[in-house]
């Protein structure tokens, strides 16, 4: 931890280039403190869901439905980048909360969704 703290301090003390204000990354603790804001990288987060191995028919269906919502939402985020608006940002935030707050009954999926919903994210995209 001391070494990480020293590295972050050194990074912030450099004068030859600006400190990054928004860092898009996974939730690895090593990124804490590097920038004033962290945003979740969707593709990195998807890796955690790929590790799930649903066994029952019900769990498989829940997983399929969730991953469909996950990637549909990602496509909406990409569309938003082309034509951003405050109203669309609010809608996307609400949709994110719905996708990740609704319990599916598939325990491992719900546990992973809970972790995702708590990760830092840039509310205004």
N, C-alpha and C. Protein backbone atom coordinates (compact mmCIF):
# COMPACT_ATOMS: atom_id res chain seq x y z
N UNK A 1 0.82 -1.19 0.00
CA UNK A 1 0.00 0.00 0.00
C UNK A 1 0.87 1.26 0.00
N UNK A 2 1.98 1.20 0.69
CA UNK A 2 2.87 2.35 0.72
C UNK A 2 3.43 2.63 -0.67
N UNK A 3 3.83 1.58 -1.34
CA UNK A 3 4.36 1.73 -2.70
C UNK A 3 3.31 2.34 -3.63
N UNK A 4 2.05 1.86 -3.54
CA UNK A 4 0.97 2.41 -4.36
C UNK A 4 0.74 3.88 -4.03
N UNK A 5 0.75 4.21 -2.74
CA UNK A 5 0.56 5.59 -2.31
C UNK A 5 1.65 6.50 -2.84
N UNK A 6 2.87 6.03 -2.79
CA UNK A 6 4.00 6.81 -3.32
C UNK A 6 3.88 7.01 -4.82
N UNK A 7 3.45 5.97 -5.52
CA UNK A 7 3.30 6.07 -6.97
C UNK A 7 2.22 7.09 -7.33
N UNK A 8 1.10 7.07 -6.62
CA UNK A 8 0.02 8.04 -6.88
C UNK A 8 0.50 9.45 -6.57
N UNK A 9 1.21 9.62 -5.46
CA UNK A 9 1.73 10.94 -5.09
C UNK A 9 2.68 11.45 -6.17
N UNK A 10 3.56 10.61 -6.62
CA UNK A 10 4.51 10.98 -7.68
C UNK A 10 3.76 11.38 -8.95
N UNK A 11 2.76 10.60 -9.30
CA UNK A 11 1.96 10.89 -10.50
C UNK A 11 1.32 12.28 -10.40
N UNK A 12 0.75 12.60 -9.25
CA UNK A 12 0.08 13.89 -9.06
C UNK A 12 1.06 15.06 -8.96
N UNK A 13 2.30 14.79 -8.66
CA UNK A 13 3.27 15.88 -8.52
C UNK A 13 3.98 16.23 -9.83
N UNK A 14 3.78 15.42 -10.87
CA UNK A 14 4.43 15.69 -12.15
C UNK A 14 3.90 16.97 -12.76
N UNK A 15 4.76 17.76 -13.35
CA UNK A 15 4.37 19.02 -13.96
C UNK A 15 4.45 18.98 -15.48
N UNK A 16 5.05 17.92 -16.05
CA UNK A 16 5.27 17.88 -17.49
C UNK A 16 4.07 17.37 -18.29
N UNK A 17 3.03 16.91 -17.62
CA UNK A 17 1.79 16.52 -18.30
C UNK A 17 0.64 16.58 -17.29
N UNK A 18 -0.57 16.79 -17.77
CA UNK A 18 -1.70 16.96 -16.85
C UNK A 18 -2.16 15.63 -16.24
N UNK A 19 -2.70 15.72 -15.04
CA UNK A 19 -3.29 14.56 -14.39
C UNK A 19 -4.63 14.27 -15.04
N UNK A 20 -4.89 13.02 -15.34
CA UNK A 20 -6.16 12.61 -15.94
C UNK A 20 -7.29 12.89 -14.96
N UNK A 21 -8.35 13.55 -15.43
CA UNK A 21 -9.48 13.88 -14.55
C UNK A 21 -10.50 12.75 -14.46
N UNK A 22 -10.70 12.03 -15.56
CA UNK A 22 -11.64 10.91 -15.59
C UNK A 22 -10.92 9.69 -16.13
N UNK A 23 -10.87 8.64 -15.34
CA UNK A 23 -10.22 7.40 -15.75
C UNK A 23 -11.28 6.33 -15.93
N UNK A 24 -11.32 5.74 -17.10
CA UNK A 24 -12.25 4.65 -17.37
C UNK A 24 -11.46 3.36 -17.19
N UNK A 25 -11.92 2.51 -16.27
CA UNK A 25 -11.15 1.33 -15.91
C UNK A 25 -12.07 0.28 -15.29
N UNK A 26 -11.47 -0.82 -14.87
CA UNK A 26 -12.24 -1.77 -14.07
C UNK A 26 -12.15 -1.28 -12.62
N UNK A 27 -12.66 -2.04 -11.70
CA UNK A 27 -12.74 -1.58 -10.31
C UNK A 27 -11.52 -1.98 -9.49
N UNK A 28 -10.41 -2.26 -10.12
CA UNK A 28 -9.21 -2.66 -9.39
C UNK A 28 -8.78 -1.54 -8.45
N UNK A 29 -8.48 -1.88 -7.21
CA UNK A 29 -8.10 -0.86 -6.22
C UNK A 29 -6.88 -0.04 -6.61
N UNK A 30 -6.03 -0.57 -7.47
CA UNK A 30 -4.82 0.14 -7.87
C UNK A 30 -5.14 1.48 -8.55
N UNK A 31 -6.35 1.62 -9.10
CA UNK A 31 -6.71 2.86 -9.79
C UNK A 31 -7.24 3.94 -8.85
N UNK A 32 -7.53 3.58 -7.60
CA UNK A 32 -8.05 4.56 -6.65
C UNK A 32 -7.04 5.68 -6.44
N UNK A 33 -7.51 6.90 -6.53
CA UNK A 33 -6.66 8.06 -6.28
C UNK A 33 -5.93 8.60 -7.49
N UNK A 34 -5.96 7.88 -8.60
CA UNK A 34 -5.24 8.37 -9.78
C UNK A 34 -5.92 9.57 -10.42
N UNK A 35 -7.25 9.60 -10.38
CA UNK A 35 -7.98 10.71 -10.99
C UNK A 35 -9.10 11.14 -10.06
N UNK A 36 -9.67 12.30 -10.35
CA UNK A 36 -10.75 12.78 -9.49
C UNK A 36 -12.02 11.98 -9.70
N UNK A 37 -12.17 11.34 -10.87
CA UNK A 37 -13.34 10.51 -11.14
C UNK A 37 -12.93 9.20 -11.79
N UNK A 38 -13.60 8.13 -11.40
CA UNK A 38 -13.43 6.83 -12.05
C UNK A 38 -14.76 6.45 -12.70
N UNK A 39 -14.69 5.85 -13.85
CA UNK A 39 -15.89 5.36 -14.54
C UNK A 39 -15.66 3.90 -14.89
N UNK A 40 -16.71 3.17 -14.83
CA UNK A 40 -16.66 1.74 -15.09
C UNK A 40 -16.49 1.44 -16.57
N UNK A 41 -15.55 0.59 -16.90
CA UNK A 41 -15.39 0.12 -18.27
C UNK A 41 -16.34 -1.04 -18.47
N UNK A 42 -17.26 -0.89 -19.38
CA UNK A 42 -18.31 -1.88 -19.60
C UNK A 42 -17.72 -3.24 -20.01
N UNK A 43 -16.73 -3.22 -20.87
CA UNK A 43 -16.15 -4.48 -21.35
C UNK A 43 -15.40 -5.22 -20.23
N UNK A 44 -14.74 -4.46 -19.36
CA UNK A 44 -14.08 -5.12 -18.23
C UNK A 44 -15.12 -5.72 -17.29
N UNK A 45 -16.20 -5.02 -17.07
CA UNK A 45 -17.23 -5.53 -16.17
C UNK A 45 -17.90 -6.78 -16.75
N UNK A 46 -18.03 -6.84 -18.05
CA UNK A 46 -18.65 -8.00 -18.69
C UNK A 46 -17.88 -9.29 -18.40
N UNK A 47 -16.58 -9.18 -18.19
CA UNK A 47 -15.77 -10.37 -17.90
C UNK A 47 -16.25 -11.10 -16.66
N UNK A 48 -16.70 -10.35 -15.66
CA UNK A 48 -17.18 -10.97 -14.43
C UNK A 48 -18.44 -11.80 -14.68
N UNK A 49 -19.28 -11.33 -15.57
CA UNK A 49 -20.51 -12.06 -15.87
C UNK A 49 -20.23 -13.30 -16.71
N UNK A 50 -19.22 -13.23 -17.55
CA UNK A 50 -18.86 -14.40 -18.36
C UNK A 50 -18.37 -15.57 -17.51
N UNK A 51 -17.91 -15.27 -16.31
CA UNK A 51 -17.41 -16.32 -15.42
C UNK A 51 -18.54 -17.11 -14.76
N UNK A 52 -19.75 -16.58 -14.80
CA UNK A 52 -20.88 -17.28 -14.18
C UNK A 52 -21.20 -18.53 -15.00
N UNK A 53 -21.54 -19.59 -14.30
CA UNK A 53 -21.86 -20.85 -14.96
C UNK A 53 -23.22 -21.36 -14.47
N UNK A 54 -24.30 -20.82 -15.03
CA UNK A 54 -25.62 -21.27 -14.58
C UNK A 54 -25.83 -22.75 -14.88
N UNK A 55 -26.42 -23.46 -13.91
CA UNK A 55 -26.58 -24.92 -14.05
C UNK A 55 -28.01 -25.34 -14.35
N UNK A 56 -28.97 -24.66 -13.76
CA UNK A 56 -30.37 -25.06 -13.95
C UNK A 56 -30.97 -24.32 -15.14
N UNK A 57 -32.07 -24.85 -15.63
CA UNK A 57 -32.77 -24.19 -16.73
C UNK A 57 -33.18 -22.78 -16.36
N UNK A 58 -33.66 -22.60 -15.11
CA UNK A 58 -34.08 -21.29 -14.65
C UNK A 58 -32.90 -20.32 -14.62
N UNK A 59 -31.77 -20.75 -14.07
CA UNK A 59 -30.59 -19.90 -13.98
C UNK A 59 -30.08 -19.54 -15.38
N UNK A 60 -30.11 -20.51 -16.28
CA UNK A 60 -29.67 -20.25 -17.65
C UNK A 60 -30.56 -19.21 -18.33
N UNK A 61 -31.87 -19.30 -18.10
CA UNK A 61 -32.80 -18.33 -18.68
C UNK A 61 -32.55 -16.93 -18.09
N UNK A 62 -32.37 -16.86 -16.78
CA UNK A 62 -32.08 -15.57 -16.12
C UNK A 62 -30.79 -14.96 -16.68
N UNK A 63 -29.80 -15.80 -16.84
CA UNK A 63 -28.50 -15.35 -17.35
C UNK A 63 -28.64 -14.82 -18.79
N UNK A 64 -29.35 -15.56 -19.62
CA UNK A 64 -29.57 -15.14 -21.01
C UNK A 64 -30.30 -13.80 -21.08
N UNK A 65 -31.37 -13.69 -20.28
CA UNK A 65 -32.15 -12.44 -20.27
C UNK A 65 -31.30 -11.27 -19.80
N UNK A 66 -30.52 -11.50 -18.74
CA UNK A 66 -29.68 -10.43 -18.22
C UNK A 66 -28.62 -10.02 -19.23
N UNK A 67 -27.92 -10.98 -19.81
CA UNK A 67 -26.86 -10.61 -20.75
C UNK A 67 -27.43 -9.90 -21.97
N UNK A 68 -28.63 -10.23 -22.36
CA UNK A 68 -29.29 -9.52 -23.46
C UNK A 68 -29.53 -8.06 -23.05
N UNK A 69 -30.04 -7.84 -21.84
CA UNK A 69 -30.25 -6.48 -21.34
C UNK A 69 -28.92 -5.74 -21.22
N UNK A 70 -27.91 -6.43 -20.72
CA UNK A 70 -26.59 -5.85 -20.52
C UNK A 70 -26.04 -5.28 -21.82
N UNK A 71 -26.07 -6.10 -22.88
CA UNK A 71 -25.49 -5.65 -24.15
C UNK A 71 -26.40 -4.69 -24.88
N UNK A 72 -27.73 -4.80 -24.74
CA UNK A 72 -28.64 -3.80 -25.30
C UNK A 72 -28.36 -2.44 -24.68
N UNK A 73 -28.16 -2.43 -23.37
CA UNK A 73 -27.86 -1.19 -22.67
C UNK A 73 -26.53 -0.61 -23.15
N UNK A 74 -25.55 -1.45 -23.34
CA UNK A 74 -24.26 -0.99 -23.85
C UNK A 74 -24.42 -0.31 -25.21
N UNK A 75 -25.24 -0.90 -26.09
CA UNK A 75 -25.48 -0.28 -27.40
C UNK A 75 -26.17 1.09 -27.24
N UNK A 76 -27.05 1.20 -26.26
CA UNK A 76 -27.70 2.48 -25.99
C UNK A 76 -26.66 3.52 -25.52
N UNK A 77 -25.70 3.07 -24.72
CA UNK A 77 -24.64 3.98 -24.29
C UNK A 77 -23.82 4.47 -25.48
N UNK A 78 -23.53 3.57 -26.40
CA UNK A 78 -22.78 3.97 -27.60
C UNK A 78 -23.57 4.97 -28.43
N UNK A 79 -24.88 4.74 -28.57
CA UNK A 79 -25.74 5.68 -29.30
C UNK A 79 -25.76 7.04 -28.60
N UNK A 80 -25.81 7.01 -27.28
CA UNK A 80 -25.84 8.24 -26.50
C UNK A 80 -24.61 9.10 -26.77
N UNK A 81 -23.48 8.46 -26.93
CA UNK A 81 -22.25 9.22 -27.19
C UNK A 81 -22.35 10.03 -28.47
N UNK A 82 -23.12 9.53 -29.44
CA UNK A 82 -23.26 10.24 -30.72
C UNK A 82 -24.20 11.43 -30.62
N UNK A 83 -25.18 11.34 -29.70
CA UNK A 83 -26.18 12.41 -29.56
C UNK A 83 -26.57 12.54 -28.09
N UNK A 84 -25.67 13.10 -27.28
CA UNK A 84 -25.96 13.20 -25.84
C UNK A 84 -27.01 14.28 -25.53
N UNK A 85 -27.78 14.02 -24.50
CA UNK A 85 -28.72 15.01 -23.98
C UNK A 85 -28.94 14.72 -22.50
N UNK A 86 -29.33 15.73 -21.77
CA UNK A 86 -29.57 15.56 -20.34
C UNK A 86 -30.71 14.57 -20.11
N UNK A 87 -31.76 14.67 -20.90
CA UNK A 87 -32.91 13.77 -20.74
C UNK A 87 -32.50 12.31 -20.96
N UNK A 88 -31.68 12.08 -21.97
CA UNK A 88 -31.23 10.71 -22.26
C UNK A 88 -30.29 10.21 -21.17
N UNK A 89 -29.46 11.08 -20.62
CA UNK A 89 -28.56 10.70 -19.53
C UNK A 89 -29.38 10.26 -18.32
N UNK A 90 -30.42 10.99 -18.00
CA UNK A 90 -31.29 10.64 -16.87
C UNK A 90 -31.96 9.29 -17.14
N UNK A 91 -32.47 9.11 -18.36
CA UNK A 91 -33.14 7.85 -18.72
C UNK A 91 -32.18 6.67 -18.60
N UNK A 92 -30.95 6.85 -19.08
CA UNK A 92 -29.97 5.77 -19.02
C UNK A 92 -29.58 5.45 -17.58
N UNK A 93 -29.46 6.46 -16.74
CA UNK A 93 -29.15 6.21 -15.32
C UNK A 93 -30.27 5.39 -14.67
N UNK A 94 -31.49 5.76 -14.95
CA UNK A 94 -32.63 5.03 -14.38
C UNK A 94 -32.67 3.59 -14.90
N UNK A 95 -32.38 3.43 -16.17
CA UNK A 95 -32.38 2.09 -16.75
C UNK A 95 -31.27 1.23 -16.13
N UNK A 96 -30.11 1.84 -15.92
CA UNK A 96 -29.01 1.12 -15.26
C UNK A 96 -29.48 0.62 -13.90
N UNK A 97 -30.10 1.50 -13.14
CA UNK A 97 -30.57 1.12 -11.80
C UNK A 97 -31.59 -0.02 -11.88
N UNK A 98 -32.47 0.02 -12.88
CA UNK A 98 -33.46 -1.06 -13.02
C UNK A 98 -32.79 -2.39 -13.38
N UNK A 99 -31.86 -2.35 -14.30
CA UNK A 99 -31.19 -3.59 -14.74
C UNK A 99 -30.45 -4.25 -13.59
N UNK A 100 -29.76 -3.44 -12.79
CA UNK A 100 -28.89 -4.01 -11.77
C UNK A 100 -29.53 -4.13 -10.40
N UNK A 101 -30.71 -3.55 -10.20
CA UNK A 101 -31.37 -3.64 -8.90
C UNK A 101 -32.39 -4.77 -8.83
N UNK A 102 -32.91 -5.18 -9.96
CA UNK A 102 -33.95 -6.20 -9.98
C UNK A 102 -33.36 -7.58 -9.71
N UNK A 103 -33.89 -8.25 -8.72
CA UNK A 103 -33.44 -9.60 -8.39
C UNK A 103 -33.98 -10.60 -9.40
N UNK A 104 -33.13 -11.51 -9.82
CA UNK A 104 -33.53 -12.52 -10.79
C UNK A 104 -33.89 -13.85 -10.13
N UNK A 105 -33.36 -14.06 -8.94
CA UNK A 105 -33.54 -15.36 -8.29
C UNK A 105 -32.36 -16.29 -8.55
N UNK A 106 -31.49 -15.93 -9.46
CA UNK A 106 -30.26 -16.67 -9.72
C UNK A 106 -29.20 -16.01 -8.84
N UNK A 107 -28.85 -16.66 -7.74
CA UNK A 107 -28.08 -16.04 -6.67
C UNK A 107 -26.74 -15.45 -7.12
N UNK A 108 -25.95 -16.21 -7.86
CA UNK A 108 -24.64 -15.70 -8.28
C UNK A 108 -24.78 -14.48 -9.19
N UNK A 109 -25.76 -14.50 -10.06
CA UNK A 109 -26.00 -13.35 -10.93
C UNK A 109 -26.41 -12.14 -10.10
N UNK A 110 -27.32 -12.33 -9.16
CA UNK A 110 -27.77 -11.22 -8.33
C UNK A 110 -26.64 -10.66 -7.47
N UNK A 111 -25.76 -11.52 -7.00
CA UNK A 111 -24.60 -11.05 -6.22
C UNK A 111 -23.67 -10.19 -7.09
N UNK A 112 -23.44 -10.63 -8.32
CA UNK A 112 -22.57 -9.89 -9.23
C UNK A 112 -23.21 -8.56 -9.61
N UNK A 113 -24.52 -8.56 -9.86
CA UNK A 113 -25.22 -7.33 -10.19
C UNK A 113 -25.12 -6.32 -9.04
N UNK A 114 -25.20 -6.82 -7.81
CA UNK A 114 -25.09 -5.93 -6.64
C UNK A 114 -23.72 -5.27 -6.60
N UNK A 115 -22.68 -6.02 -6.93
CA UNK A 115 -21.33 -5.45 -6.96
C UNK A 115 -21.24 -4.38 -8.05
N UNK A 116 -21.75 -4.68 -9.22
CA UNK A 116 -21.72 -3.72 -10.33
C UNK A 116 -22.46 -2.44 -9.96
N UNK A 117 -23.59 -2.56 -9.32
CA UNK A 117 -24.39 -1.38 -9.00
C UNK A 117 -23.70 -0.46 -8.00
N UNK A 118 -22.73 -0.98 -7.25
CA UNK A 118 -22.03 -0.18 -6.25
C UNK A 118 -20.73 0.42 -6.78
N UNK A 119 -20.30 0.03 -7.96
CA UNK A 119 -19.04 0.53 -8.51
C UNK A 119 -19.17 2.01 -8.89
N UNK A 120 -18.04 2.72 -8.82
CA UNK A 120 -18.10 4.12 -9.21
C UNK A 120 -18.46 4.24 -10.69
N UNK A 121 -19.29 5.21 -10.99
CA UNK A 121 -19.63 5.47 -12.39
C UNK A 121 -19.92 6.95 -12.54
N UNK A 122 -19.69 7.43 -13.70
CA UNK A 122 -19.92 8.83 -14.00
C UNK A 122 -21.39 8.98 -14.32
N UNK A 123 -22.13 9.63 -13.44
CA UNK A 123 -23.59 9.74 -13.58
C UNK A 123 -24.01 10.46 -14.85
N UNK A 124 -23.25 11.44 -15.29
CA UNK A 124 -23.66 12.21 -16.47
C UNK A 124 -23.10 11.62 -17.77
N UNK A 125 -22.43 10.48 -17.69
CA UNK A 125 -21.83 9.83 -18.83
C UNK A 125 -20.88 10.79 -19.49
